[in-house]
C-alpha atoms as a PDB file:
ATOM      1  CA  MET A   1       0.000   0.000   0.000  1.00  0.00           C
ATOM      2  CA  SER A   2       2.688   2.502   0.883  1.00  0.00           C
ATOM      3  CA  ASP A   3       6.278   3.076  -0.138  1.00  0.00           C
ATOM      4  CA  ALA A   4       9.097   5.485   0.730  1.00  0.00           C
ATOM      5  CA  ARG A   5       7.961   8.141  -1.782  1.00  0.00           C
ATOM      6  CA  VAL A   6       4.422   8.068  -0.389  1.00  0.00           C
ATOM      7  CA  GLU A   7       5.706   8.382   3.175  1.00  0.00           C
ATOM      8  CA  GLN A   8       8.029  11.235   2.189  1.00  0.00           C
ATOM      9  CA  LEU A   9       5.241  13.200   0.514  1.00  0.00           C
ATOM     10  CA  LEU A  10       2.973  12.645   3.512  1.00  0.00           C
ATOM     11  CA  ASN A  11       5.725  13.924   5.811  1.00  0.00           C
ATOM     12  CA  ASP A  12       6.316  16.948   3.573  1.00  0.00           C
ATOM     13  CA  ILE A  13       2.614  17.846   3.541  1.00  0.00           C
ATOM     14  CA  ASN A  14       2.472  17.500   7.331  1.00  0.00           C
ATOM     15  CA  LEU A  15       5.460  19.831   7.769  1.00  0.00           C
ATOM     16  CA  VAL A  16       4.038  22.490   5.472  1.00  0.00           C
ATOM     17  CA  ASN A  17       0.358  22.258   6.412  1.00  0.00           C
ATOM     18  CA  PRO A  18      -0.827  19.871   9.146  1.00  0.00           C
ATOM     19  CA  GLU A  19      -4.481  20.652   8.386  1.00  0.00           C
ATOM     20  CA  ARG A  20      -4.115  19.534   4.752  1.00  0.00           C
ATOM     21  CA  HIS A  21      -2.235  16.449   5.951  1.00  0.00           C
ATOM     22  CA  GLU A  22      -5.220  15.552   8.133  1.00  0.00           C
ATOM     23  CA  LEU A  23      -7.555  15.864   5.132  1.00  0.00           C
ATOM     24  CA  VAL A  24      -5.268  13.770   2.906  1.00  0.00           C
ATOM     25  CA  MET A  25      -5.080  11.068   5.578  1.00  0.00           C
ATOM     26  CA  ALA A  26      -8.874  11.062   5.992  1.00  0.00           C
ATOM     27  CA  ALA A  27      -9.400  10.715   2.224  1.00  0.00           C
ATOM     28  CA  ARG A  28      -6.860   7.871   2.089  1.00  0.00           C
ATOM     29  CA  ARG A  29      -8.693   6.046   4.894  1.00  0.00           C
ATOM     30  CA  VAL A  30     -11.991   6.283   2.998  1.00  0.00           C
ATOM     31  CA  ILE A  31     -10.349   4.954  -0.168  1.00  0.00           C
ATOM     32  CA  TYR A  32      -8.732   1.990   1.599  1.00  0.00           C
ATOM     33  CA  LYS A  33     -11.917   1.189   3.502  1.00  0.00           C
ATOM     34  CA  GLY A  34     -13.971   1.029   0.300  1.00  0.00           C
ATOM     35  CA  VAL A  35     -11.346  -0.428  -2.043  1.00  0.00           C
ATOM     36  CA  LYS A  36      -9.288  -2.828   0.055  1.00  0.00           C
ATOM     37  CA  GLN A  37      -7.016  -3.824  -2.824  1.00  0.00           C
ATOM     38  CA  ALA A  38      -6.104  -0.211  -3.671  1.00  0.00           C
ATOM     39  CA  THR A  39      -2.477   0.758  -4.052  1.00  0.00           C
ATOM     40  CA  GLU A  40      -1.045   4.247  -4.209  1.00  0.00           C
ATOM     41  CA  ARG A  41       1.952   5.914  -5.740  1.00  0.00           C
ATOM     42  CA  VAL A  42       3.268   9.453  -5.929  1.00  0.00           C
ATOM     43  CA  MET A  43       2.483  11.045  -9.270  1.00  0.00           C
ATOM     44  CA  TYR A  44       1.907  14.633 -10.442  1.00  0.00           C
ATOM     45  CA  GLY A  45       2.788  15.891  -6.957  1.00  0.00           C
ATOM     46  CA  GLY A  46       0.015  13.914  -5.276  1.00  0.00           C
ATOM     47  CA  PHE A  47      -1.224  10.402  -4.681  1.00  0.00           C
ATOM     48  CA  MET A  48      -2.628   8.223  -7.471  1.00  0.00           C
ATOM     49  CA  PHE A  49      -4.755   5.234  -6.479  1.00  0.00           C
ATOM     50  CA  ALA A  50      -5.177   2.081  -8.547  1.00  0.00           C
ATOM     51  CA  ALA A  51      -6.732  -1.378  -8.161  1.00  0.00           C
ATOM     52  CA  PRO A  52      -5.241  -2.372 -10.635  1.00  0.00           C
ATOM     53  CA  ASN A  53      -6.248   0.514 -12.955  1.00  0.00           C
ATOM     54  CA  ASP A  54      -5.978   4.143 -11.848  1.00  0.00           C
ATOM     55  CA  PHE A  55      -9.274   5.362 -10.430  1.00  0.00           C
ATOM     56  CA  CYS A  56      -8.532   8.604  -8.561  1.00  0.00           C
ATOM     57  CA  GLY A  57      -5.916  10.986  -7.244  1.00  0.00           C
ATOM     58  CA  VAL A  58      -5.606  13.025  -4.051  1.00  0.00           C
ATOM     59  CA  PHE A  59      -3.738  16.332  -4.177  1.00  0.00           C
ATOM     60  CA  ALA A  60      -3.003  18.825  -1.391  1.00  0.00           C
ATOM     61  CA  TYR A  61      -3.189  22.570  -2.037  1.00  0.00           C
ATOM     62  CA  ALA A  62      -2.833  25.566   0.278  1.00  0.00           C
ATOM     63  CA  GLU A  63      -6.547  25.944   1.030  1.00  0.00           C
ATOM     64  CA  HIS A  64      -8.007  22.499   0.248  1.00  0.00           C
ATOM     65  CA  ILE A  65      -7.380  19.036  -1.065  1.00  0.00           C
ATOM     66  CA  SER A  66      -8.654  17.969  -4.442  1.00  0.00           C
ATOM     67  CA  ILE A  67      -9.963  14.537  -5.280  1.00  0.00           C
ATOM     68  CA  GLU A  68      -9.367  14.026  -9.004  1.00  0.00           C
ATOM     69  CA  PHE A  69     -11.167  11.593 -11.277  1.00  0.00           C
ATOM     70  CA  GLY A  70      -9.623  11.064 -14.717  1.00  0.00           C
ATOM     71  CA  HIS A  71     -12.974   9.866 -16.072  1.00  0.00           C
ATOM     72  CA  GLY A  72     -15.169  11.852 -13.718  1.00  0.00           C
ATOM     73  CA  CYS A  73     -17.571  12.607 -16.557  1.00  0.00           C
ATOM     74  CA  ASP A  74     -18.748   8.988 -16.213  1.00  0.00           C
ATOM     75  CA  LEU A  75     -19.630   9.301 -12.516  1.00  0.00           C
ATOM     76  CA  GLN A  76     -23.202   9.714 -11.346  1.00  0.00           C
ATOM     77  CA  ASP A  77     -23.167  13.062  -9.522  1.00  0.00           C
ATOM     78  CA  GLU A  78     -26.205  12.532  -7.305  1.00  0.00           C
ATOM     79  CA  TRP A  79     -25.038  15.130  -4.758  1.00  0.00           C
ATOM     80  CA  GLN A  80     -23.864  17.692  -7.337  1.00  0.00           C
ATOM     81  CA  VAL A  81     -20.360  18.038  -5.887  1.00  0.00           C
ATOM     82  CA  LEU A  82     -18.240  17.259  -8.952  1.00  0.00           C
ATOM     83  CA  GLU A  83     -16.490  20.266 -10.459  1.00  0.00           C
ATOM     84  CA  GLY A  84     -14.894  20.710 -13.860  1.00  0.00           C
ATOM     85  CA  LYS A  85     -16.077  21.272 -17.396  1.00  0.00           C
ATOM     86  CA  GLY A  86     -13.519  19.284 -19.415  1.00  0.00           C
ATOM     87  CA  LYS A  87     -14.358  16.333 -21.642  1.00  0.00           C
ATOM     88  CA  LEU A  88     -13.320  13.723 -19.066  1.00  0.00           C
ATOM     89  CA  ARG A  89     -11.880  14.983 -15.782  1.00  0.00           C
ATOM     90  CA  ARG A  90     -13.826  16.056 -12.710  1.00  0.00           C
ATOM     91  CA  HIS A  91     -12.753  16.870  -9.166  1.00  0.00           C
ATOM     92  CA  ILE A  92     -14.127  17.455  -5.692  1.00  0.00           C
ATOM     93  CA  LYS A  93     -12.604  20.095  -3.435  1.00  0.00           C
ATOM     94  CA  ILE A  94     -12.455  19.274   0.272  1.00  0.00           C
ATOM     95  CA  HIS A  95     -11.882  22.094   2.782  1.00  0.00           C
ATOM     96  CA  SER A  96     -12.774  20.332   6.052  1.00  0.00           C
ATOM     97  CA  LEU A  97     -13.113  16.885   7.589  1.00  0.00           C
ATOM     98  CA  ASP A  98     -16.897  17.283   7.604  1.00  0.00           C
ATOM     99  CA  GLU A  99     -16.893  17.493   3.807  1.00  0.00           C
ATOM    100  CA  ILE A 100     -15.389  14.005   3.521  1.00  0.00           C
ATOM    101  CA  LYS A 101     -18.802  12.687   4.592  1.00  0.00           C
ATOM    102  CA  SER A 102     -21.118  15.471   3.414  1.00  0.00           C
ATOM    103  CA  LYS A 103     -19.737  15.291  -0.134  1.00  0.00           C
ATOM    104  CA  HIS A 104     -20.137  11.491  -0.117  1.00  0.00           C
ATOM    105  CA  LEU A 105     -16.547  10.725  -1.098  1.00  0.00           C
ATOM    106  CA  ALA A 106     -16.938   7.009  -0.377  1.00  0.00           C
ATOM    107  CA  ASP A 107     -19.608   6.727  -3.061  1.00  0.00           C
ATOM    108  CA  TYR A 108     -17.536   8.594  -5.652  1.00  0.00           C
ATOM    109  CA  PHE A 109     -14.489   6.427  -4.880  1.00  0.00           C
ATOM    110  CA  ARG A 110     -16.560   3.241  -5.295  1.00  0.00           C
ATOM    111  CA  GLN A 111     -18.012   4.461  -8.578  1.00  0.00           C
ATOM    112  CA  ALA A 112     -14.607   5.499  -9.948  1.00  0.00           C
ATOM    113  CA  PHE A 113     -13.085   2.149  -8.947  1.00  0.00           C
ATOM    114  CA  ALA A 114     -15.931   0.199 -10.582  1.00  0.00           C
ATOM    115  CA  ASN A 115     -15.765   2.286 -13.766  1.00  0.00           C
ATOM    116  CA  ALA A 116     -11.986   1.930 -14.075  1.00  0.00           C
ATOM    117  CA  ASN A 117     -11.886  -1.770 -13.317  1.00  0.00           C
ATOM    118  CA  GLY A 118     -15.296  -2.851 -14.699  1.00  0.00           C
END
């Protein structure tokens, strides 16, 4: 599940912004709870998750974390939280721990996993 590059990036995020680190860790827990076979690697300055195909990414920014879906256009957006207007990609911005649940991340992770690994 984790390697030295993942641990290093987690440590770096924690040093720079402990609040963002907490959000990244919470998102990772939701992913691993819903997709037990998920693996992660550092890519594009964040964390890419696969099982075995890539299904999402988690990226830390100064004011939020972003959950990225390469084929987010295929996700059912029942709660209207997906952002982005591109042909394929969509993302969800998370500013607080409460939003992990209120924006239904677990459902979006499950959908993205199923779509990528159908």
